[in-house]
Amino acid sequence: MTDTKKLWGRRGIAGLAATLALITGTATASFAGTASSDPGPRLSGSAGGKLPKTFGPWAGDPVKFQIEARGGPGTTKGTFKVFHGKGRTGGVVAEFEGKITCLLVGGEVAVATGVITRGYTNLTDEKNADVTGQKVSFTVHDNGRSDRLYWMWGFMNAPINDCQGTAPILKTSHGDFKVHD
């Protein structure tokens, strides 16, 4: 074999090896990039409306919910804020915020539970009752621009376990939630 053929043979093998390494590296980086850019289950957005007649003394009151959560059971991170105004007097019935501790997503429905880190309520005879440390639960049905949601409050004697929800019966009139699984 001549020196020229040996040189081209070595360059060809080296070139082929470099090309394979580049393709393999690009495919690996591309796959890794896809995996890390997919944040997994998540719930985000804000929405609200007026409470219907079935809410008795609170019927007509405006409510607003803001929730940002991602992850699954055991890995959830997120926050929530809740406002419940008094329709006729303009006062505040409840206002609190906290951390989401569990998120469970199935299709267009998400259940998120959490713990209040700061807030108060005027739901009972006790004015500005501190509800810090109480558990909450939210169930959201992402139905385009007409989402549904419901909630449970530990401070209203509702026993709440992680990722426990209810049927989302309140149809929102403004805002939008996005549920991704």
C-alpha atoms as a PDB file:
ATOM      1  CA  MET A   1       0.000   0.000   0.000  1.00  0.00           C
ATOM      2  CA  THR A   2       1.387   3.425  -0.898  1.00  0.00           C
ATOM      3  CA  ASP A   3       1.915   6.189   1.616  1.00  0.00           C
ATOM      4  CA  THR A   4      -0.887   8.234  -0.024  1.00  0.00           C
ATOM      5  CA  LYS A   5      -3.411   5.399   0.324  1.00  0.00           C
ATOM      6  CA  LYS A   6      -2.359   4.850   3.966  1.00  0.00           C
ATOM      7  CA  LEU A   7      -2.794   8.569   4.688  1.00  0.00           C
ATOM      8  CA  TRP A   8      -6.228   8.722   3.037  1.00  0.00           C
ATOM      9  CA  GLY A   9      -7.242   5.496   4.764  1.00  0.00           C
ATOM     10  CA  ARG A  10      -6.296   6.904   8.180  1.00  0.00           C
ATOM     11  CA  ARG A  11      -8.028  10.210   7.422  1.00  0.00           C
ATOM     12  CA  GLY A  12     -11.110   8.358   6.183  1.00  0.00           C
ATOM     13  CA  ILE A  13     -11.325   6.262   9.336  1.00  0.00           C
ATOM     14  CA  ALA A  14     -10.606   9.286  11.524  1.00  0.00           C
ATOM     15  CA  GLY A  15     -13.206  11.309   9.602  1.00  0.00           C
ATOM     16  CA  LEU A  16     -15.771   8.551   9.901  1.00  0.00           C
ATOM     17  CA  ALA A  17     -15.084   8.228  13.632  1.00  0.00           C
ATOM     18  CA  ALA A  18     -15.392  12.005  14.090  1.00  0.00           C
ATOM     19  CA  THR A  19     -18.660  12.072  12.132  1.00  0.00           C
ATOM     20  CA  LEU A  20     -20.104   9.210  14.197  1.00  0.00           C
ATOM     21  CA  ALA A  21     -19.026  10.916  17.413  1.00  0.00           C
ATOM     22  CA  LEU A  22     -20.640  14.151  16.271  1.00  0.00           C
ATOM     23  CA  ILE A  23     -23.903  12.419  15.315  1.00  0.00           C
ATOM     24  CA  THR A  24     -23.997  10.456  18.564  1.00  0.00           C
ATOM     25  CA  GLY A  25     -23.189  13.547  20.618  1.00  0.00           C
ATOM     26  CA  THR A  26     -25.825  15.616  18.836  1.00  0.00           C
ATOM     27  CA  ALA A  27     -28.479  12.933  19.280  1.00  0.00           C
ATOM     28  CA  THR A  28     -27.610  12.554  22.958  1.00  0.00           C
ATOM     29  CA  ALA A  29     -27.617  16.312  23.522  1.00  0.00           C
ATOM     30  CA  SER A  30     -30.881  16.635  21.618  1.00  0.00           C
ATOM     31  CA  PHE A  31     -32.522  13.878  23.684  1.00  0.00           C
ATOM     32  CA  ALA A  32     -31.173  15.313  26.936  1.00  0.00           C
ATOM     33  CA  GLY A  33     -32.397  18.769  25.931  1.00  0.00           C
ATOM     34  CA  THR A  34     -35.885  17.449  25.319  1.00  0.00           C
ATOM     35  CA  ALA A  35     -35.998  15.664  28.644  1.00  0.00           C
ATOM     36  CA  SER A  36     -34.888  18.678  30.666  1.00  0.00           C
ATOM     37  CA  SER A  37     -37.159  21.165  28.857  1.00  0.00           C
ATOM     38  CA  ASP A  38     -40.260  19.071  29.658  1.00  0.00           C
ATOM     39  CA  PRO A  39     -41.224  20.249  33.158  1.00  0.00           C
ATOM     40  CA  GLY A  40     -43.659  17.392  33.688  1.00  0.00           C
ATOM     41  CA  PRO A  41     -47.079  17.851  35.288  1.00  0.00           C
ATOM     42  CA  ARG A  42     -48.021  21.457  35.933  1.00  0.00           C
ATOM     43  CA  LEU A  43     -50.909  23.762  36.750  1.00  0.00           C
ATOM     44  CA  SER A  44     -50.668  27.492  36.183  1.00  0.00           C
ATOM     45  CA  GLY A  45     -52.871  30.539  35.893  1.00  0.00           C
ATOM     46  CA  SER A  46     -55.507  32.534  37.672  1.00  0.00           C
ATOM     47  CA  ALA A  47     -59.277  32.630  37.395  1.00  0.00           C
ATOM     48  CA  GLY A  48     -62.338  33.570  39.344  1.00  0.00           C
ATOM     49  CA  GLY A  49     -65.954  34.571  39.293  1.00  0.00           C
ATOM     50  CA  LYS A  50     -68.957  35.128  41.534  1.00  0.00           C
ATOM     51  CA  LEU A  51     -70.203  32.439  43.876  1.00  0.00           C
ATOM     52  CA  PRO A  52     -73.580  30.952  42.824  1.00  0.00           C
ATOM     53  CA  LYS A  53     -76.747  30.730  44.966  1.00  0.00           C
ATOM     54  CA  THR A  54     -75.702  27.322  46.288  1.00  0.00           C
ATOM     55  CA  PHE A  55     -73.111  29.137  48.439  1.00  0.00           C
ATOM     56  CA  GLY A  56     -75.857  30.566  50.671  1.00  0.00           C
ATOM     57  CA  PRO A  57     -74.712  33.688  52.550  1.00  0.00           C
ATOM     58  CA  TRP A  58     -71.695  34.054  50.230  1.00  0.00           C
ATOM     59  CA  ALA A  59     -73.729  33.922  46.985  1.00  0.00           C
ATOM     60  CA  GLY A  60     -72.663  36.733  44.659  1.00  0.00           C
ATOM     61  CA  ASP A  61     -69.302  37.221  46.370  1.00  0.00           C
ATOM     62  CA  PRO A  62     -66.293  37.567  44.045  1.00  0.00           C
ATOM     63  CA  VAL A  63     -63.524  34.959  44.337  1.00  0.00           C
ATOM     64  CA  LYS A  64     -60.142  34.760  42.642  1.00  0.00           C
ATOM     65  CA  PHE A  65     -57.551  31.975  42.654  1.00  0.00           C
ATOM     66  CA  GLN A  66     -53.957  32.064  41.432  1.00  0.00           C
ATOM     67  CA  ILE A  67     -52.001  28.784  41.306  1.00  0.00           C
ATOM     68  CA  GLU A  68     -48.529  27.979  39.971  1.00  0.00           C
ATOM     69  CA  ALA A  69     -47.403  24.386  40.547  1.00  0.00           C
ATOM     70  CA  ARG A  70     -45.216  21.765  38.878  1.00  0.00           C
ATOM     71  CA  GLY A  71     -44.011  18.268  39.619  1.00  0.00           C
ATOM     72  CA  GLY A  72     -45.780  15.188  40.838  1.00  0.00           C
ATOM     73  CA  PRO A  73     -46.544  13.631  44.207  1.00  0.00           C
ATOM     74  CA  GLY A  74     -43.367  13.895  46.290  1.00  0.00           C
ATOM     75  CA  THR A  75     -41.649  16.426  43.988  1.00  0.00           C
ATOM     76  CA  THR A  76     -44.189  19.257  43.809  1.00  0.00           C
ATOM     77  CA  LYS A  77     -43.200  22.905  44.066  1.00  0.00           C
ATOM     78  CA  GLY A  78     -45.500  25.871  43.758  1.00  0.00           C
ATOM     79  CA  THR A  79     -47.565  28.642  45.287  1.00  0.00           C
ATOM     80  CA  PHE A  80     -51.178  29.775  45.504  1.00  0.00           C
ATOM     81  CA  LYS A  81     -53.121  32.940  46.367  1.00  0.00           C
ATOM     82  CA  VAL A  82     -56.817  33.169  47.185  1.00  0.00           C
ATOM     83  CA  PHE A  83     -59.123  36.175  47.527  1.00  0.00           C
ATOM     84  CA  HIS A  84     -62.791  36.058  48.572  1.00  0.00           C
ATOM     85  CA  GLY A  85     -64.446  39.476  48.673  1.00  0.00           C
ATOM     86  CA  LYS A  86     -67.791  40.461  50.133  1.00  0.00           C
ATOM     87  CA  GLY A  87     -70.080  41.335  47.232  1.00  0.00           C
ATOM     88  CA  ARG A  88     -72.427  43.799  48.925  1.00  0.00           C
ATOM     89  CA  THR A  89     -70.095  45.558  51.354  1.00  0.00           C
ATOM     90  CA  GLY A  90     -66.809  45.403  49.487  1.00  0.00           C
ATOM     91  CA  GLY A  91     -65.072  43.866  52.496  1.00  0.00           C
ATOM     92  CA  VAL A  92     -62.806  40.839  52.568  1.00  0.00           C
ATOM     93  CA  VAL A  93     -64.141  37.433  53.585  1.00  0.00           C
ATOM     94  CA  ALA A  94     -60.803  35.634  53.150  1.00  0.00           C
ATOM     95  CA  GLU A  95     -57.364  36.360  51.773  1.00  0.00           C
ATOM     96  CA  PHE A  96     -54.449  33.970  52.025  1.00  0.00           C
ATOM     97  CA  GLU A  97     -51.474  32.456  50.219  1.00  0.00           C
ATOM     98  CA  GLY A  98     -49.251  29.462  50.602  1.00  0.00           C
ATOM     99  CA  LYS A  99     -47.163  26.669  49.163  1.00  0.00           C
ATOM    100  CA  ILE A 100     -48.412  23.809  47.006  1.00  0.00           C
ATOM    101  CA  THR A 101     -47.273  20.485  48.495  1.00  0.00           C
ATOM    102  CA  CYS A 102     -48.825  17.967  46.097  1.00  0.00           C
ATOM    103  CA  LEU A 103     -49.924  18.052  42.454  1.00  0.00           C
ATOM    104  CA  LEU A 104     -51.724  15.285  40.603  1.00  0.00           C
ATOM    105  CA  VAL A 105     -52.648  15.733  36.924  1.00  0.00           C
ATOM    106  CA  GLY A 106     -54.800  13.566  34.670  1.00  0.00           C
ATOM    107  CA  GLY A 107     -55.664  14.943  31.249  1.00  0.00           C
ATOM    108  CA  GLU A 108     -57.380  18.322  31.671  1.00  0.00           C
ATOM    109  CA  VAL A 109     -57.869  17.980  35.442  1.00  0.00           C
ATOM    110  CA  ALA A 110     -55.414  18.874  38.193  1.00  0.00           C
ATOM    111  CA  VAL A 111     -55.662  18.443  41.943  1.00  0.00           C
ATOM    112  CA  ALA A 112     -53.307  20.543  44.053  1.00  0.00           C
ATOM    113  CA  THR A 113     -53.055  20.593  47.824  1.00  0.00           C
ATOM    114  CA  GLY A 114     -51.035  22.917  49.968  1.00  0.00           C
ATOM    115  CA  VAL A 115     -50.510  24.722  53.245  1.00  0.00           C
ATOM    116  CA  ILE A 116     -51.341  28.359  53.980  1.00  0.00           C
ATOM    117  CA  THR A 117     -48.218  30.362  54.884  1.00  0.00           C
ATOM    118  CA  ARG A 118     -49.971  33.682  55.497  1.00  0.00           C
ATOM    119  CA  GLY A 119     -53.585  34.797  55.624  1.00  0.00           C
ATOM    120  CA  TYR A 120     -56.834  35.404  57.430  1.00  0.00           C
ATOM    121  CA  THR A 121     -60.575  34.842  57.120  1.00  0.00           C
ATOM    122  CA  ASN A 122     -63.753  36.516  58.297  1.00  0.00           C
ATOM    123  CA  LEU A 123     -65.947  33.466  57.755  1.00  0.00           C
ATOM    124  CA  THR A 124     -66.959  33.008  61.378  1.00  0.00           C
ATOM    125  CA  ASP A 125     -67.686  35.356  64.268  1.00  0.00           C
ATOM    126  CA  GLU A 126     -63.939  35.629  64.825  1.00  0.00           C
ATOM    127  CA  LYS A 127     -62.693  38.602  62.785  1.00  0.00           C
ATOM    128  CA  ASN A 128     -59.406  38.297  60.888  1.00  0.00           C
ATOM    129  CA  ALA A 129     -58.885  34.729  62.080  1.00  0.00           C
ATOM    130  CA  ASP A 130     -55.324  33.609  61.313  1.00  0.00           C
ATOM    131  CA  VAL A 131     -55.400  30.536  59.056  1.00  0.00           C
ATOM    132  CA  THR A 132     -51.630  30.049  58.751  1.00  0.00           C
ATOM    133  CA  GLY A 133     -50.698  26.360  58.740  1.00  0.00           C
ATOM    134  CA  GLN A 134     -54.110  25.155  57.535  1.00  0.00           C
ATOM    135  CA  LYS A 135     -54.380  22.751  54.592  1.00  0.00           C
ATOM    136  CA  VAL A 136     -56.180  23.601  51.340  1.00  0.00           C
ATOM    137  CA  SER A 137     -57.182  21.672  48.234  1.00  0.00           C
ATOM    138  CA  PHE A 138     -57.919  22.899  44.699  1.00  0.00           C
ATOM    139  CA  THR A 139     -59.386  20.930  41.801  1.00  0.00           C
ATOM    140  CA  VAL A 140     -59.144  22.560  38.364  1.00  0.00           C
ATOM    141  CA  HIS A 141     -60.664  21.446  35.062  1.00  0.00           C
ATOM    142  CA  ASP A 142     -58.899  23.240  32.185  1.00  0.00           C
ATOM    143  CA  ASN A 143     -61.739  23.572  29.705  1.00  0.00           C
ATOM    144  CA  GLY A 144     -60.310  26.248  27.428  1.00  0.00           C
ATOM    145  CA  ARG A 145     -61.519  29.703  28.445  1.00  0.00           C
ATOM    146  CA  SER A 146     -64.380  28.442  30.633  1.00  0.00           C
ATOM    147  CA  ASP A 147     -62.541  26.537  33.334  1.00  0.00           C
ATOM    148  CA  ARG A 148     -64.125  24.935  36.362  1.00  0.00           C
ATOM    149  CA  LEU A 149     -62.705  24.669  39.846  1.00  0.00           C
ATOM    150  CA  TYR A 150     -63.519  23.852  43.409  1.00  0.00           C
ATOM    151  CA  TRP A 151     -61.719  23.931  46.713  1.00  0.00           C
ATOM    152  CA  MET A 152     -61.703  22.669  50.283  1.00  0.00           C
ATOM    153  CA  TRP A 153     -60.387  24.528  53.311  1.00  0.00           C
ATOM    154  CA  GLY A 154     -58.967  22.823  56.375  1.00  0.00           C
ATOM    155  CA  PHE A 155     -60.090  25.792  58.484  1.00  0.00           C
ATOM    156  CA  MET A 156     -63.717  24.977  57.537  1.00  0.00           C
ATOM    157  CA  ASN A 157     -63.306  21.528  59.141  1.00  0.00           C
ATOM    158  CA  ALA A 158     -62.697  19.732  55.839  1.00  0.00           C
ATOM    159  CA  PRO A 159     -60.206  16.896  56.349  1.00  0.00           C
ATOM    160  CA  ILE A 160     -57.604  17.184  53.583  1.00  0.00           C
ATOM    161  CA  ASN A 161     -55.013  14.607  52.548  1.00  0.00           C
ATOM    162  CA  ASP A 162     -52.247  15.189  49.990  1.00  0.00           C
ATOM    163  CA  CYS A 163     -53.565  15.338  46.402  1.00  0.00           C
ATOM    164  CA  GLN A 164     -57.164  14.931  47.541  1.00  0.00           C
ATOM    165  CA  GLY A 165     -59.733  16.839  45.486  1.00  0.00           C
ATOM    166  CA  THR A 166     -63.411  17.282  44.733  1.00  0.00           C
ATOM    167  CA  ALA A 167     -65.582  17.753  41.655  1.00  0.00           C
ATOM    168  CA  PRO A 168     -64.814  21.147  40.056  1.00  0.00           C
ATOM    169  CA  ILE A 169     -68.331  22.638  40.107  1.00  0.00           C
ATOM    170  CA  LEU A 170     -67.707  26.414  39.952  1.00  0.00           C
ATOM    171  CA  LYS A 171     -67.557  27.712  36.381  1.00  0.00           C
ATOM    172  CA  THR A 172     -65.156  30.661  36.207  1.00  0.00           C
ATOM    173  CA  SER A 173     -66.154  33.905  34.495  1.00  0.00           C
ATOM    174  CA  HIS A 174     -62.693  35.384  34.029  1.00  0.00           C
ATOM    175  CA  GLY A 175     -59.081  34.234  33.826  1.00  0.00           C
ATOM    176  CA  ASP A 176     -57.627  30.970  32.614  1.00  0.00           C
ATOM    177  CA  PHE A 177     -55.853  27.950  34.054  1.00  0.00           C
ATOM    178  CA  LYS A 178     -53.531  25.697  32.056  1.00  0.00           C
ATOM    179  CA  VAL A 179     -53.150  22.033  33.035  1.00  0.00           C
ATOM    180  CA  HIS A 180     -50.336  19.972  31.476  1.00  0.00           C
ATOM    181  CA  ASP A 181     -49.601  16.320  32.214  1.00  0.00           C
END
